[in-house]
N, C-alpha and C. Protein backbone atom coordinates (compact mmCIF):
# COMPACT_ATOMS: atom_id res chain seq x y z
N MET A 1 -2.79 -12.08 -1.33
CA MET A 1 -1.52 -12.34 -0.70
C MET A 1 -1.74 -12.38 0.80
N THR A 2 -1.11 -13.29 1.45
CA THR A 2 -1.24 -13.39 2.90
C THR A 2 -0.01 -12.81 3.56
N ALA A 3 -0.19 -12.26 4.71
CA ALA A 3 0.91 -11.66 5.46
C ALA A 3 1.57 -12.72 6.30
N SER A 4 2.85 -12.53 6.55
CA SER A 4 3.58 -13.41 7.46
C SER A 4 3.14 -13.13 8.88
N GLU A 5 3.36 -14.08 9.74
CA GLU A 5 3.08 -13.90 11.16
C GLU A 5 3.95 -12.75 11.67
N PRO A 6 3.39 -11.77 12.39
CA PRO A 6 4.20 -10.66 12.90
C PRO A 6 5.41 -11.17 13.67
N GLY A 7 6.56 -10.55 13.38
CA GLY A 7 7.78 -10.91 14.07
C GLY A 7 8.50 -12.09 13.45
N THR A 8 7.92 -12.72 12.43
CA THR A 8 8.54 -13.86 11.78
C THR A 8 9.51 -13.36 10.72
N PRO A 9 10.81 -13.76 10.81
CA PRO A 9 11.77 -13.33 9.80
C PRO A 9 11.41 -13.92 8.44
N SER A 10 11.72 -13.21 7.38
CA SER A 10 11.49 -13.66 6.03
C SER A 10 12.75 -13.47 5.23
N THR A 11 12.97 -14.29 4.21
CA THR A 11 14.20 -14.18 3.44
C THR A 11 14.11 -13.19 2.30
N GLY A 12 12.95 -12.84 1.84
CA GLY A 12 12.80 -11.91 0.73
C GLY A 12 11.84 -10.80 1.07
N PRO A 13 11.58 -9.94 0.08
CA PRO A 13 10.64 -8.85 0.32
C PRO A 13 9.21 -9.36 0.36
N HIS A 14 8.38 -8.64 1.07
CA HIS A 14 6.94 -8.91 1.06
C HIS A 14 6.38 -8.18 -0.15
N ARG A 15 5.66 -8.90 -1.00
CA ARG A 15 5.10 -8.30 -2.22
C ARG A 15 3.58 -8.31 -2.15
N ALA A 16 3.00 -7.18 -2.57
CA ALA A 16 1.54 -7.07 -2.64
C ALA A 16 1.18 -6.33 -3.91
N GLU A 17 0.02 -6.66 -4.46
CA GLU A 17 -0.47 -5.96 -5.65
C GLU A 17 -1.78 -5.27 -5.31
N LEU A 18 -1.84 -3.99 -5.62
CA LEU A 18 -3.04 -3.19 -5.42
C LEU A 18 -3.68 -2.97 -6.78
N ASP A 19 -4.82 -3.60 -7.02
CA ASP A 19 -5.50 -3.53 -8.31
C ASP A 19 -6.61 -2.48 -8.22
N LEU A 20 -6.44 -1.38 -8.94
CA LEU A 20 -7.39 -0.28 -8.88
C LEU A 20 -8.43 -0.32 -10.00
N ASP A 21 -8.58 -1.44 -10.64
CA ASP A 21 -9.58 -1.58 -11.69
C ASP A 21 -10.96 -1.27 -11.12
N GLY A 22 -11.64 -0.30 -11.71
CA GLY A 22 -12.98 0.08 -11.27
C GLY A 22 -13.02 1.04 -10.10
N VAL A 23 -11.88 1.44 -9.57
CA VAL A 23 -11.84 2.36 -8.43
C VAL A 23 -11.98 3.79 -8.95
N ARG A 24 -13.00 4.49 -8.46
CA ARG A 24 -13.30 5.83 -8.96
C ARG A 24 -13.42 6.88 -7.87
N ASP A 25 -13.17 6.49 -6.60
CA ASP A 25 -13.32 7.46 -5.51
C ASP A 25 -12.50 7.01 -4.29
N GLU A 26 -12.40 7.92 -3.33
CA GLU A 26 -11.62 7.67 -2.11
C GLU A 26 -12.11 6.46 -1.32
N PRO A 27 -13.41 6.33 -1.02
CA PRO A 27 -13.84 5.18 -0.21
C PRO A 27 -13.50 3.84 -0.87
N THR A 28 -13.68 3.77 -2.19
CA THR A 28 -13.39 2.52 -2.89
C THR A 28 -11.89 2.26 -2.91
N PHE A 29 -11.09 3.30 -3.06
CA PHE A 29 -9.63 3.15 -3.00
C PHE A 29 -9.22 2.58 -1.64
N LEU A 30 -9.74 3.15 -0.57
CA LEU A 30 -9.37 2.68 0.77
C LEU A 30 -9.86 1.26 1.02
N ASP A 31 -11.05 0.93 0.51
CA ASP A 31 -11.54 -0.46 0.63
C ASP A 31 -10.64 -1.42 -0.13
N ARG A 32 -10.20 -1.01 -1.32
CA ARG A 32 -9.33 -1.86 -2.13
C ARG A 32 -7.97 -2.03 -1.46
N CYS A 33 -7.47 -0.98 -0.82
CA CYS A 33 -6.22 -1.11 -0.06
C CYS A 33 -6.38 -2.13 1.05
N ALA A 34 -7.50 -2.03 1.78
CA ALA A 34 -7.75 -2.97 2.88
C ALA A 34 -7.73 -4.40 2.36
N ARG A 35 -8.39 -4.63 1.24
CA ARG A 35 -8.49 -5.98 0.69
C ARG A 35 -7.17 -6.47 0.09
N ASP A 36 -6.63 -5.69 -0.86
CA ASP A 36 -5.46 -6.15 -1.61
C ASP A 36 -4.17 -6.14 -0.81
N LEU A 37 -4.06 -5.22 0.12
CA LEU A 37 -2.84 -5.15 0.93
C LEU A 37 -2.98 -5.93 2.23
N ALA A 38 -4.14 -6.54 2.42
CA ALA A 38 -4.42 -7.34 3.63
C ALA A 38 -4.12 -6.51 4.88
N LEU A 39 -4.68 -5.28 4.90
CA LEU A 39 -4.46 -4.40 6.04
C LEU A 39 -5.08 -5.01 7.30
N PRO A 40 -4.53 -4.69 8.46
CA PRO A 40 -5.05 -5.27 9.70
C PRO A 40 -6.48 -4.81 10.01
N GLU A 41 -7.14 -5.54 10.86
CA GLU A 41 -8.53 -5.24 11.22
C GLU A 41 -8.71 -3.83 11.78
N TRP A 42 -7.67 -3.29 12.41
CA TRP A 42 -7.79 -1.96 13.02
C TRP A 42 -7.71 -0.83 11.99
N PHE A 43 -7.52 -1.14 10.71
CA PHE A 43 -7.48 -0.11 9.66
C PHE A 43 -8.79 0.66 9.66
N GLY A 44 -8.73 1.97 9.79
CA GLY A 44 -9.91 2.81 9.96
C GLY A 44 -10.53 3.35 8.68
N HIS A 45 -10.06 2.92 7.51
CA HIS A 45 -10.62 3.33 6.23
C HIS A 45 -10.63 4.85 6.05
N ASN A 46 -9.49 5.48 6.41
CA ASN A 46 -9.29 6.89 6.14
C ASN A 46 -7.80 7.10 5.86
N TRP A 47 -7.44 8.29 5.41
CA TRP A 47 -6.05 8.54 5.00
C TRP A 47 -5.07 8.40 6.16
N ASP A 48 -5.43 8.90 7.33
CA ASP A 48 -4.53 8.78 8.49
C ASP A 48 -4.29 7.32 8.86
N ALA A 49 -5.35 6.53 8.79
CA ALA A 49 -5.21 5.10 9.11
C ALA A 49 -4.35 4.39 8.07
N LEU A 50 -4.48 4.75 6.79
CA LEU A 50 -3.62 4.16 5.76
C LEU A 50 -2.17 4.54 6.01
N ASP A 51 -1.94 5.79 6.33
CA ASP A 51 -0.59 6.25 6.66
C ASP A 51 -0.02 5.45 7.84
N ASP A 52 -0.82 5.28 8.88
CA ASP A 52 -0.38 4.50 10.05
C ASP A 52 -0.03 3.07 9.65
N CYS A 53 -0.88 2.44 8.86
CA CYS A 53 -0.62 1.06 8.44
C CYS A 53 0.66 0.94 7.63
N LEU A 54 0.88 1.89 6.72
CA LEU A 54 2.06 1.82 5.85
C LEU A 54 3.35 2.18 6.57
N ARG A 55 3.25 2.80 7.73
CA ARG A 55 4.44 3.09 8.54
C ARG A 55 4.71 2.01 9.57
N ASP A 56 3.73 1.19 9.86
CA ASP A 56 3.89 0.12 10.84
C ASP A 56 4.37 -1.15 10.12
N LEU A 57 3.55 -1.76 9.32
CA LEU A 57 3.84 -2.94 8.52
C LEU A 57 4.28 -4.16 9.32
N SER A 58 4.18 -4.12 10.65
CA SER A 58 4.51 -5.31 11.45
C SER A 58 3.59 -6.46 11.10
N TRP A 59 2.42 -6.17 10.63
CA TRP A 59 1.45 -7.18 10.24
C TRP A 59 1.86 -7.88 8.95
N TRP A 60 2.92 -7.41 8.28
CA TRP A 60 3.49 -8.09 7.11
C TRP A 60 4.71 -8.91 7.48
N GLY A 61 4.97 -9.09 8.76
CA GLY A 61 6.12 -9.87 9.19
C GLY A 61 7.40 -9.05 9.16
N ARG A 62 8.53 -9.72 9.05
CA ARG A 62 9.83 -9.05 9.02
C ARG A 62 10.60 -9.45 7.76
N PRO A 63 10.16 -8.99 6.61
CA PRO A 63 10.85 -9.32 5.37
C PRO A 63 12.10 -8.45 5.18
N SER A 64 12.79 -8.68 4.07
CA SER A 64 13.97 -7.86 3.77
C SER A 64 13.57 -6.54 3.10
N GLY A 65 12.31 -6.37 2.80
CA GLY A 65 11.80 -5.15 2.19
C GLY A 65 10.32 -5.32 1.90
N TYR A 66 9.73 -4.25 1.41
CA TYR A 66 8.30 -4.26 1.09
C TYR A 66 8.13 -3.74 -0.32
N GLU A 67 7.28 -4.41 -1.09
CA GLU A 67 7.01 -3.98 -2.46
C GLU A 67 5.50 -3.95 -2.68
N ILE A 68 5.02 -2.83 -3.21
CA ILE A 68 3.62 -2.71 -3.59
C ILE A 68 3.59 -2.36 -5.07
N ARG A 69 2.91 -3.18 -5.84
CA ARG A 69 2.72 -2.93 -7.27
C ARG A 69 1.27 -2.46 -7.45
N ILE A 70 1.12 -1.30 -8.07
CA ILE A 70 -0.21 -0.72 -8.25
C ILE A 70 -0.60 -0.79 -9.73
N ARG A 71 -1.72 -1.41 -9.98
CA ARG A 71 -2.26 -1.50 -11.34
C ARG A 71 -3.47 -0.59 -11.46
N GLY A 72 -3.59 0.09 -12.60
CA GLY A 72 -4.75 0.94 -12.87
C GLY A 72 -4.65 2.33 -12.28
N TRP A 73 -3.46 2.79 -11.96
CA TRP A 73 -3.29 4.10 -11.34
C TRP A 73 -3.79 5.24 -12.23
N GLN A 74 -3.45 5.20 -13.51
CA GLN A 74 -3.81 6.31 -14.40
C GLN A 74 -5.32 6.49 -14.50
N ARG A 75 -6.07 5.40 -14.58
CA ARG A 75 -7.53 5.50 -14.63
C ARG A 75 -8.08 6.03 -13.31
N PHE A 76 -7.51 5.58 -12.20
CA PHE A 76 -7.94 6.09 -10.88
C PHE A 76 -7.65 7.59 -10.79
N ARG A 77 -6.46 7.99 -11.21
CA ARG A 77 -6.08 9.40 -11.15
C ARG A 77 -6.99 10.26 -12.01
N ALA A 78 -7.39 9.75 -13.17
CA ALA A 78 -8.30 10.51 -14.04
C ALA A 78 -9.70 10.60 -13.44
N ALA A 79 -10.14 9.54 -12.77
CA ALA A 79 -11.49 9.50 -12.21
C ALA A 79 -11.60 10.27 -10.90
N ALA A 80 -10.53 10.28 -10.11
CA ALA A 80 -10.57 10.90 -8.78
C ALA A 80 -9.25 11.61 -8.51
N PRO A 81 -9.01 12.73 -9.19
CA PRO A 81 -7.70 13.39 -9.07
C PRO A 81 -7.33 13.82 -7.66
N GLU A 82 -8.29 14.32 -6.89
CA GLU A 82 -7.97 14.76 -5.53
C GLU A 82 -7.60 13.56 -4.64
N ALA A 83 -8.37 12.49 -4.73
CA ALA A 83 -8.06 11.28 -3.97
C ALA A 83 -6.72 10.70 -4.40
N ALA A 84 -6.43 10.74 -5.69
CA ALA A 84 -5.16 10.22 -6.19
C ALA A 84 -3.98 11.04 -5.66
N ARG A 85 -4.15 12.37 -5.60
CA ARG A 85 -3.07 13.21 -5.05
C ARG A 85 -2.81 12.86 -3.59
N THR A 86 -3.89 12.70 -2.83
CA THR A 86 -3.72 12.35 -1.41
C THR A 86 -3.09 10.97 -1.27
N ALA A 87 -3.55 10.02 -2.07
CA ALA A 87 -2.98 8.67 -2.03
C ALA A 87 -1.50 8.70 -2.38
N ALA A 88 -1.14 9.48 -3.40
CA ALA A 88 0.27 9.59 -3.79
C ALA A 88 1.10 10.19 -2.67
N ASP A 89 0.56 11.18 -1.97
CA ASP A 89 1.26 11.78 -0.84
C ASP A 89 1.47 10.77 0.29
N VAL A 90 0.44 9.99 0.59
CA VAL A 90 0.55 8.97 1.65
C VAL A 90 1.60 7.93 1.27
N LEU A 91 1.58 7.49 0.02
CA LEU A 91 2.56 6.51 -0.44
C LEU A 91 3.98 7.09 -0.40
N ALA A 92 4.13 8.33 -0.85
CA ALA A 92 5.45 8.98 -0.84
C ALA A 92 5.97 9.12 0.59
N ASP A 93 5.10 9.48 1.51
CA ASP A 93 5.51 9.60 2.92
C ASP A 93 5.95 8.25 3.47
N ALA A 94 5.25 7.18 3.10
CA ALA A 94 5.62 5.84 3.57
C ALA A 94 6.96 5.42 2.98
N ILE A 95 7.18 5.70 1.70
CA ILE A 95 8.46 5.38 1.07
C ILE A 95 9.59 6.12 1.77
N GLU A 96 9.37 7.39 2.04
CA GLU A 96 10.38 8.21 2.74
C GLU A 96 10.64 7.68 4.14
N TYR A 97 9.59 7.27 4.83
CA TYR A 97 9.73 6.73 6.18
C TYR A 97 10.61 5.48 6.18
N TRP A 98 10.38 4.57 5.23
CA TRP A 98 11.11 3.29 5.20
C TRP A 98 12.49 3.39 4.56
N ALA A 99 12.77 4.44 3.80
CA ALA A 99 14.03 4.55 3.05
C ALA A 99 15.29 4.35 3.90
N PRO A 100 15.41 4.97 5.08
CA PRO A 100 16.64 4.80 5.85
C PRO A 100 16.69 3.51 6.68
N ARG A 101 15.65 2.71 6.62
CA ARG A 101 15.60 1.49 7.42
C ARG A 101 16.10 0.29 6.63
N ASP A 102 16.30 -0.82 7.31
CA ASP A 102 16.80 -2.04 6.67
C ASP A 102 15.75 -2.71 5.79
N THR A 103 14.51 -2.25 5.86
CA THR A 103 13.42 -2.85 5.09
C THR A 103 12.72 -1.76 4.27
N PRO A 104 13.33 -1.33 3.15
CA PRO A 104 12.73 -0.24 2.38
C PRO A 104 11.41 -0.65 1.74
N LEU A 105 10.60 0.35 1.45
CA LEU A 105 9.33 0.17 0.75
C LEU A 105 9.50 0.69 -0.67
N THR A 106 9.11 -0.13 -1.63
CA THR A 106 9.13 0.25 -3.04
C THR A 106 7.70 0.19 -3.56
N VAL A 107 7.29 1.21 -4.28
CA VAL A 107 5.97 1.24 -4.90
C VAL A 107 6.17 1.44 -6.39
N THR A 108 5.58 0.55 -7.20
CA THR A 108 5.67 0.68 -8.65
C THR A 108 4.26 0.79 -9.21
N PHE A 109 4.16 1.55 -10.29
CA PHE A 109 2.87 1.77 -10.95
C PHE A 109 2.93 1.07 -12.31
N ASP A 110 2.06 0.08 -12.50
CA ASP A 110 2.05 -0.71 -13.72
C ASP A 110 0.74 -0.46 -14.45
N ASP A 111 0.78 0.35 -15.48
CA ASP A 111 -0.43 0.67 -16.23
C ASP A 111 -0.41 0.10 -17.64
N GLN A 112 0.43 -0.88 -17.87
CA GLN A 112 0.49 -1.52 -19.18
C GLN A 112 -0.33 -2.81 -19.12
N GLU A 113 -1.64 -2.68 -19.25
CA GLU A 113 -2.54 -3.84 -19.09
C GLU A 113 -2.99 -4.38 -20.41
């Protein structure tokens, strides 16, 4: 998925899919986020940098909302429980951050493959 030009208005939500197939550890999770979410070049491949990216989102343009669909979460959580807990916390913090704004963030977990 490609991001809109920063500052460009959009009529619908920005949608991205994070595919965790084969992800078994923190570094691979962060690499997959960079790839699948089209994170900006300044993404530092650590939890703080992911948190920063998910609270900024200007690199996704100005949509009416943000949606991230995550596939393979249960297998990732089983393989790397500590990394999954941290990832879940980062995602929850981002959802909470965007909730009172005009562009909410929704994260769904789709494990019916």
